[in-house]
Amino acid sequence: MELLNKINRVINDVFMCVAGIVLAAMIILTCANIFCRLVWLPIRGTFELMGYFGAVITAFALGFQGAKYIKCYKLCPLYCLFCASGVADMEICHQFVEDW
């Protein structure tokens, strides 16, 4: 089971890196499109690429967020929503479980 968790962690890290690269590409493409629109003609297909890039970012980030949610859910099902949403830190989750 530990091997599967390590594989899952590596795959999630790779997907998060790809999502970060795609997000940077979105920012560059948006800025280039704005500049080209001011100077001459906009870049064709920018709207479609933004949609595809957004889908890739969302899909690749789901595994990371799901792993974070499952880790917190093992501690306390009632408090896991705050941990997974980033409202609370994992140390606060541990303290909450100990106090509970």
C-alpha atoms as a PDB file:
ATOM      1  CA  MET A   1       0.000   0.000   0.000  1.00  0.00           C
ATOM      2  CA  GLU A   2       2.878   2.330   0.764  1.00  0.00           C
ATOM      3  CA  LEU A   3       4.237   1.784  -2.743  1.00  0.00           C
ATOM      4  CA  LEU A   4       0.901   2.835  -4.258  1.00  0.00           C
ATOM      5  CA  ASN A   5       0.868   5.975  -2.119  1.00  0.00           C
ATOM      6  CA  LYS A   6       4.366   6.892  -3.333  1.00  0.00           C
ATOM      7  CA  ILE A   7       3.378   6.299  -6.958  1.00  0.00           C
ATOM      8  CA  ASN A   8       0.234   8.369  -6.444  1.00  0.00           C
ATOM      9  CA  ARG A   9       2.260  11.180  -4.872  1.00  0.00           C
ATOM     10  CA  VAL A  10       4.754  11.192  -7.765  1.00  0.00           C
ATOM     11  CA  ILE A  11       1.996  11.212 -10.386  1.00  0.00           C
ATOM     12  CA  ASN A  12       0.174  14.019  -8.566  1.00  0.00           C
ATOM     13  CA  ASP A  13       3.389  16.051  -8.350  1.00  0.00           C
ATOM     14  CA  VAL A  14       4.027  15.602 -12.082  1.00  0.00           C
ATOM     15  CA  PHE A  15       0.452  16.623 -12.891  1.00  0.00           C
ATOM     16  CA  MET A  16       0.742  19.693 -10.659  1.00  0.00           C
ATOM     17  CA  CYS A  17       3.961  20.701 -12.451  1.00  0.00           C
ATOM     18  CA  VAL A  18       2.254  20.290 -15.817  1.00  0.00           C
ATOM     19  CA  ALA A  19      -0.716  22.308 -14.546  1.00  0.00           C
ATOM     20  CA  GLY A  20       1.668  25.072 -13.428  1.00  0.00           C
ATOM     21  CA  ILE A  21       3.353  25.135 -16.822  1.00  0.00           C
ATOM     22  CA  VAL A  22      -0.014  25.277 -18.576  1.00  0.00           C
ATOM     23  CA  LEU A  23      -1.098  28.113 -16.274  1.00  0.00           C
ATOM     24  CA  ALA A  24       2.052  30.043 -17.158  1.00  0.00           C
ATOM     25  CA  ALA A  25       1.326  29.387 -20.844  1.00  0.00           C
ATOM     26  CA  MET A  26      -2.184  30.769 -20.346  1.00  0.00           C
ATOM     27  CA  ILE A  27      -0.801  33.948 -18.842  1.00  0.00           C
ATOM     28  CA  ILE A  28       1.754  34.376 -21.633  1.00  0.00           C
ATOM     29  CA  LEU A  29      -0.835  33.670 -24.321  1.00  0.00           C
ATOM     30  CA  THR A  30      -3.275  36.148 -22.793  1.00  0.00           C
ATOM     31  CA  CYS A  31      -0.650  38.883 -22.602  1.00  0.00           C
ATOM     32  CA  ALA A  32       0.521  38.151 -26.153  1.00  0.00           C
ATOM     33  CA  ASN A  33      -3.041  38.248 -27.427  1.00  0.00           C
ATOM     34  CA  ILE A  34      -3.696  41.588 -25.755  1.00  0.00           C
ATOM     35  CA  PHE A  35      -0.486  43.038 -27.157  1.00  0.00           C
ATOM     36  CA  CYS A  36      -1.150  41.703 -30.666  1.00  0.00           C
ATOM     37  CA  ARG A  37      -4.705  43.005 -30.541  1.00  0.00           C
ATOM     38  CA  LEU A  38      -3.426  46.495 -29.721  1.00  0.00           C
ATOM     39  CA  VAL A  39      -0.695  46.437 -32.346  1.00  0.00           C
ATOM     40  CA  TRP A  40      -2.177  44.456 -35.214  1.00  0.00           C
ATOM     41  CA  LEU A  41      -4.377  41.331 -35.205  1.00  0.00           C
ATOM     42  CA  PRO A  42      -5.259  39.073 -32.275  1.00  0.00           C
ATOM     43  CA  ILE A  43      -3.874  35.548 -32.091  1.00  0.00           C
ATOM     44  CA  ARG A  44      -6.314  33.103 -33.666  1.00  0.00           C
ATOM     45  CA  GLY A  45      -7.744  30.382 -31.448  1.00  0.00           C
ATOM     46  CA  THR A  46      -6.911  32.048 -28.154  1.00  0.00           C
ATOM     47  CA  PHE A  47     -10.419  31.569 -26.782  1.00  0.00           C
ATOM     48  CA  GLU A  48     -10.385  27.836 -27.573  1.00  0.00           C
ATOM     49  CA  LEU A  49      -6.900  27.363 -26.156  1.00  0.00           C
ATOM     50  CA  MET A  50      -7.926  29.075 -22.934  1.00  0.00           C
ATOM     51  CA  GLY A  51     -10.799  26.624 -22.601  1.00  0.00           C
ATOM     52  CA  TYR A  52      -8.540  23.614 -23.200  1.00  0.00           C
ATOM     53  CA  PHE A  53      -5.866  24.926 -20.861  1.00  0.00           C
ATOM     54  CA  GLY A  54      -8.444  25.578 -18.138  1.00  0.00           C
ATOM     55  CA  ALA A  55      -9.740  22.016 -18.464  1.00  0.00           C
ATOM     56  CA  VAL A  56      -6.200  20.616 -18.208  1.00  0.00           C
ATOM     57  CA  ILE A  57      -5.422  22.692 -15.128  1.00  0.00           C
ATOM     58  CA  THR A  58      -8.661  21.675 -13.416  1.00  0.00           C
ATOM     59  CA  ALA A  59      -8.251  17.979 -14.216  1.00  0.00           C
ATOM     60  CA  PHE A  60      -4.620  17.814 -13.162  1.00  0.00           C
ATOM     61  CA  ALA A  61      -5.243  19.674  -9.899  1.00  0.00           C
ATOM     62  CA  LEU A  62      -8.078  17.360  -8.825  1.00  0.00           C
ATOM     63  CA  GLY A  63      -5.760  14.488  -7.899  1.00  0.00           C
ATOM     64  CA  PHE A  64      -3.671  16.679  -5.626  1.00  0.00           C
ATOM     65  CA  GLN A  65      -6.714  18.156  -3.907  1.00  0.00           C
ATOM     66  CA  GLY A  66      -8.337  14.732  -3.584  1.00  0.00           C
ATOM     67  CA  ALA A  67      -5.252  13.295  -1.896  1.00  0.00           C
ATOM     68  CA  LYS A  68      -5.210  16.218   0.518  1.00  0.00           C
ATOM     69  CA  TYR A  69      -8.908  15.712   1.302  1.00  0.00           C
ATOM     70  CA  ILE A  70      -8.523  11.968   1.917  1.00  0.00           C
ATOM     71  CA  LYS A  71      -5.551  12.554   4.217  1.00  0.00           C
ATOM     72  CA  CYS A  72      -7.580  15.001   6.283  1.00  0.00           C
ATOM     73  CA  TYR A  73     -10.718  12.830   6.207  1.00  0.00           C
ATOM     74  CA  LYS A  74      -8.812  10.060   7.985  1.00  0.00           C
ATOM     75  CA  LEU A  75      -8.239  12.442  10.884  1.00  0.00           C
ATOM     76  CA  CYS A  76     -11.770  13.711  11.344  1.00  0.00           C
ATOM     77  CA  PRO A  77     -14.640  13.554   8.855  1.00  0.00           C
ATOM     78  CA  LEU A  78     -16.388  16.566  10.406  1.00  0.00           C
ATOM     79  CA  TYR A  79     -13.414  18.879  10.133  1.00  0.00           C
ATOM     80  CA  CYS A  80     -12.042  17.705   6.786  1.00  0.00           C
ATOM     81  CA  LEU A  81     -13.806  20.358   4.709  1.00  0.00           C
ATOM     82  CA  PHE A  82     -11.876  23.125   6.431  1.00  0.00           C
ATOM     83  CA  CYS A  83      -8.552  21.325   5.939  1.00  0.00           C
ATOM     84  CA  ALA A  84      -9.153  20.464   2.283  1.00  0.00           C
ATOM     85  CA  SER A  85     -10.305  23.953   1.419  1.00  0.00           C
ATOM     86  CA  GLY A  86      -7.139  25.447   2.856  1.00  0.00           C
ATOM     87  CA  VAL A  87      -8.964  27.288   5.651  1.00  0.00           C
ATOM     88  CA  ALA A  88      -7.137  25.295   8.293  1.00  0.00           C
ATOM     89  CA  ASP A  89      -3.641  23.895   8.504  1.00  0.00           C
ATOM     90  CA  MET A  90      -2.979  20.165   9.006  1.00  0.00           C
ATOM     91  CA  GLU A  91      -1.429  20.929  12.416  1.00  0.00           C
ATOM     92  CA  ILE A  92      -4.695  22.559  13.434  1.00  0.00           C
ATOM     93  CA  CYS A  93      -6.507  19.428  12.227  1.00  0.00           C
ATOM     94  CA  HIS A  94      -4.274  17.258  14.406  1.00  0.00           C
ATOM     95  CA  GLN A  95      -4.863  19.533  17.398  1.00  0.00           C
ATOM     96  CA  PHE A  96      -8.613  19.473  16.765  1.00  0.00           C
ATOM     97  CA  VAL A  97      -8.650  15.663  16.690  1.00  0.00           C
ATOM     98  CA  GLU A  98      -6.607  15.453  19.894  1.00  0.00           C
ATOM     99  CA  ASP A  99      -8.919  17.922  21.670  1.00  0.00           C
ATOM    100  CA  TRP A 100     -12.011  16.225  20.315  1.00  0.00           C
END
